[in-house]
């Protein structure tokens, strides 16, 4: 969890740097969410949700903090990445549920 948080903070640092121009660093906020979703157990819903909330706050922080500055990002771009983050959470939770169901079906066939 700490490593994924570090990656999220690194993406936020790259996103805040004005010297990189039009590079869409905010699209990389989905990486820590996917990372936690793949590494966590089937029963772990909270870590994925917490990381998604942190990534959402970091993605939206630049829009809020740079309001009125010439290089401020558009809210539409951030809304798209926030939507992608939460669609990823939904798909990850559905995947976890499917794996739990498959384990129960496999277990019940043994009985």
C-alpha atoms as a PDB file:
ATOM      1  CA  UNK A   1       0.000   0.000   0.000  1.00  0.00           C
ATOM      2  CA  UNK A   2       2.847   2.384   0.812  1.00  0.00           C
ATOM      3  CA  UNK A   3       4.552   1.719  -2.504  1.00  0.00           C
ATOM      4  CA  UNK A   4       1.347   2.441  -4.423  1.00  0.00           C
ATOM      5  CA  UNK A   5       0.870   5.616  -2.381  1.00  0.00           C
ATOM      6  CA  UNK A   6       4.426   6.627  -3.291  1.00  0.00           C
ATOM      7  CA  UNK A   7       3.659   6.072  -6.965  1.00  0.00           C
ATOM      8  CA  UNK A   8       0.502   8.192  -6.647  1.00  0.00           C
ATOM      9  CA  UNK A   9       2.465  10.988  -4.996  1.00  0.00           C
ATOM     10  CA  UNK A  10       5.140  10.721  -7.699  1.00  0.00           C
ATOM     11  CA  UNK A  11       2.505  11.063 -10.402  1.00  0.00           C
ATOM     12  CA  UNK A  12       1.099  14.071  -8.545  1.00  0.00           C
ATOM     13  CA  UNK A  13       4.569  15.642  -8.419  1.00  0.00           C
ATOM     14  CA  UNK A  14       4.990  15.130 -12.166  1.00  0.00           C
ATOM     15  CA  UNK A  15       1.524  16.526 -12.739  1.00  0.00           C
ATOM     16  CA  UNK A  16       2.306  19.723 -10.803  1.00  0.00           C
ATOM     17  CA  UNK A  17       5.514  20.438 -12.712  1.00  0.00           C
ATOM     18  CA  UNK A  18       4.812  23.070 -15.316  1.00  0.00           C
ATOM     19  CA  UNK A  19       7.999  22.360 -17.273  1.00  0.00           C
ATOM     20  CA  UNK A  20       6.643  19.214 -18.907  1.00  0.00           C
ATOM     21  CA  UNK A  21       4.123  21.070 -21.034  1.00  0.00           C
ATOM     22  CA  UNK A  22       1.164  19.137 -22.341  1.00  0.00           C
ATOM     23  CA  UNK A  23       2.148  15.677 -21.118  1.00  0.00           C
ATOM     24  CA  UNK A  24      -1.002  14.075 -19.629  1.00  0.00           C
ATOM     25  CA  UNK A  25       0.543  12.860 -16.369  1.00  0.00           C
ATOM     26  CA  UNK A  26      -2.889  12.741 -14.740  1.00  0.00           C
ATOM     27  CA  UNK A  27      -3.690   9.631 -16.771  1.00  0.00           C
ATOM     28  CA  UNK A  28      -1.137   7.722 -14.676  1.00  0.00           C
ATOM     29  CA  UNK A  29      -3.218   8.097 -11.496  1.00  0.00           C
ATOM     30  CA  UNK A  30      -4.951   4.841 -12.398  1.00  0.00           C
ATOM     31  CA  UNK A  31      -1.707   2.826 -11.983  1.00  0.00           C
ATOM     32  CA  UNK A  32      -1.687   2.693  -8.144  1.00  0.00           C
ATOM     33  CA  UNK A  33      -5.350   1.700  -8.141  1.00  0.00           C
ATOM     34  CA  UNK A  34      -4.705  -1.171 -10.543  1.00  0.00           C
ATOM     35  CA  UNK A  35      -1.641  -2.152  -8.557  1.00  0.00           C
ATOM     36  CA  UNK A  36      -3.585  -2.450  -5.295  1.00  0.00           C
ATOM     37  CA  UNK A  37      -6.462  -4.205  -7.058  1.00  0.00           C
ATOM     38  CA  UNK A  38      -4.157  -6.877  -8.446  1.00  0.00           C
ATOM     39  CA  UNK A  39      -2.064  -7.381  -5.310  1.00  0.00           C
ATOM     40  CA  UNK A  40      -4.799  -7.428  -2.705  1.00  0.00           C
ATOM     41  CA  UNK A  41      -6.703 -10.531  -1.687  1.00  0.00           C
ATOM     42  CA  UNK A  42     -10.193 -11.357  -2.916  1.00  0.00           C
ATOM     43  CA  UNK A  43     -11.761 -10.199   0.340  1.00  0.00           C
ATOM     44  CA  UNK A  44      -9.942  -6.848   0.435  1.00  0.00           C
ATOM     45  CA  UNK A  45     -12.298  -4.150  -0.789  1.00  0.00           C
ATOM     46  CA  UNK A  46     -11.167  -1.321   1.464  1.00  0.00           C
ATOM     47  CA  UNK A  47      -7.567  -0.906   0.168  1.00  0.00           C
ATOM     48  CA  UNK A  48      -8.756  -0.563  -3.428  1.00  0.00           C
ATOM     49  CA  UNK A  49     -11.398   1.968  -2.447  1.00  0.00           C
ATOM     50  CA  UNK A  50      -8.996   3.977  -0.284  1.00  0.00           C
ATOM     51  CA  UNK A  51      -6.369   4.132  -3.037  1.00  0.00           C
ATOM     52  CA  UNK A  52      -9.017   5.219  -5.538  1.00  0.00           C
ATOM     53  CA  UNK A  53     -10.141   7.989  -3.186  1.00  0.00           C
ATOM     54  CA  UNK A  54      -6.535   9.160  -2.719  1.00  0.00           C
ATOM     55  CA  UNK A  55      -5.901   9.092  -6.479  1.00  0.00           C
ATOM     56  CA  UNK A  56      -9.132  11.015  -7.062  1.00  0.00           C
ATOM     57  CA  UNK A  57      -8.155  13.696  -4.557  1.00  0.00           C
ATOM     58  CA  UNK A  58      -4.670  14.008  -6.056  1.00  0.00           C
ATOM     59  CA  UNK A  59      -6.070  14.207  -9.588  1.00  0.00           C
ATOM     60  CA  UNK A  60      -8.556  16.915  -8.654  1.00  0.00           C
ATOM     61  CA  UNK A  61      -6.154  18.843  -6.394  1.00  0.00           C
ATOM     62  CA  UNK A  62      -4.375  20.505  -9.295  1.00  0.00           C
ATOM     63  CA  UNK A  63      -7.631  21.802 -10.737  1.00  0.00           C
ATOM     64  CA  UNK A  64      -8.572  23.281  -7.387  1.00  0.00           C
ATOM     65  CA  UNK A  65      -5.123  24.664  -6.555  1.00  0.00           C
ATOM     66  CA  UNK A  66      -4.350  26.156  -9.961  1.00  0.00           C
ATOM     67  CA  UNK A  67      -7.679  27.882 -10.489  1.00  0.00           C
ATOM     68  CA  UNK A  68      -7.068  31.094 -12.405  1.00  0.00           C
ATOM     69  CA  UNK A  69      -3.524  30.252 -13.548  1.00  0.00           C
ATOM     70  CA  UNK A  70      -2.843  30.160 -17.296  1.00  0.00           C
ATOM     71  CA  UNK A  71      -1.674  26.535 -17.261  1.00  0.00           C
ATOM     72  CA  UNK A  72      -4.584  25.227 -15.235  1.00  0.00           C
ATOM     73  CA  UNK A  73      -5.906  21.877 -16.460  1.00  0.00           C
ATOM     74  CA  UNK A  74      -9.434  21.569 -17.689  1.00  0.00           C
ATOM     75  CA  UNK A  75     -12.006  20.016 -15.402  1.00  0.00           C
ATOM     76  CA  UNK A  76     -13.208  17.812 -18.264  1.00  0.00           C
ATOM     77  CA  UNK A  77      -9.866  16.036 -18.532  1.00  0.00           C
ATOM     78  CA  UNK A  78      -9.834  15.425 -14.799  1.00  0.00           C
ATOM     79  CA  UNK A  79     -13.425  14.212 -14.828  1.00  0.00           C
ATOM     80  CA  UNK A  80     -12.478  11.621 -17.446  1.00  0.00           C
ATOM     81  CA  UNK A  81      -9.567  10.282 -15.390  1.00  0.00           C
ATOM     82  CA  UNK A  82     -11.697  10.224 -12.218  1.00  0.00           C
ATOM     83  CA  UNK A  83     -14.309   8.241 -14.138  1.00  0.00           C
ATOM     84  CA  UNK A  84     -11.639   5.830 -15.349  1.00  0.00           C
ATOM     85  CA  UNK A  85     -10.327   5.398 -11.796  1.00  0.00           C
ATOM     86  CA  UNK A  86     -13.765   4.477 -10.455  1.00  0.00           C
ATOM     87  CA  UNK A  87     -14.593   2.222 -13.413  1.00  0.00           C
ATOM     88  CA  UNK A  88     -11.331   0.431 -12.635  1.00  0.00           C
ATOM     89  CA  UNK A  89     -12.451   0.026  -9.017  1.00  0.00           C
ATOM     90  CA  UNK A  90     -15.792  -1.363 -10.155  1.00  0.00           C
ATOM     91  CA  UNK A  91     -14.133  -3.851 -12.503  1.00  0.00           C
ATOM     92  CA  UNK A  92     -11.599  -4.856  -9.840  1.00  0.00           C
ATOM     93  CA  UNK A  93     -14.335  -5.491  -7.278  1.00  0.00           C
ATOM     94  CA  UNK A  94     -16.348  -7.501  -9.798  1.00  0.00           C
ATOM     95  CA  UNK A  95     -13.220  -9.536 -10.571  1.00  0.00           C
ATOM     96  CA  UNK A  96     -12.658 -10.194  -6.876  1.00  0.00           C
ATOM     97  CA  UNK A  97     -16.272 -11.256  -6.425  1.00  0.00           C
ATOM     98  CA  UNK A  98     -16.053 -13.607  -9.404  1.00  0.00           C
ATOM     99  CA  UNK A  99     -12.894 -15.203  -8.031  1.00  0.00           C
ATOM    100  CA  UNK A 100     -14.550 -15.715  -4.619  1.00  0.00           C
ATOM    101  CA  UNK A 101     -17.598 -17.249  -6.283  1.00  0.00           C
ATOM    102  CA  UNK A 102     -15.421 -19.536  -8.378  1.00  0.00           C
ATOM    103  CA  UNK A 103     -13.571 -20.702  -5.265  1.00  0.00           C
ATOM    104  CA  UNK A 104     -16.866 -21.515  -3.535  1.00  0.00           C
ATOM    105  CA  UNK A 105     -18.173 -23.411  -6.562  1.00  0.00           C
ATOM    106  CA  UNK A 106     -14.932 -25.332  -6.787  1.00  0.00           C
ATOM    107  CA  UNK A 107     -15.043 -26.047  -3.045  1.00  0.00           C
ATOM    108  CA  UNK A 108     -18.663 -27.225  -3.144  1.00  0.00           C
ATOM    109  CA  UNK A 109     -17.930 -29.673  -5.944  1.00  0.00           C
ATOM    110  CA  UNK A 110     -15.336 -31.366  -3.761  1.00  0.00           C
ATOM    111  CA  UNK A 111     -17.924 -32.066  -1.085  1.00  0.00           C
END
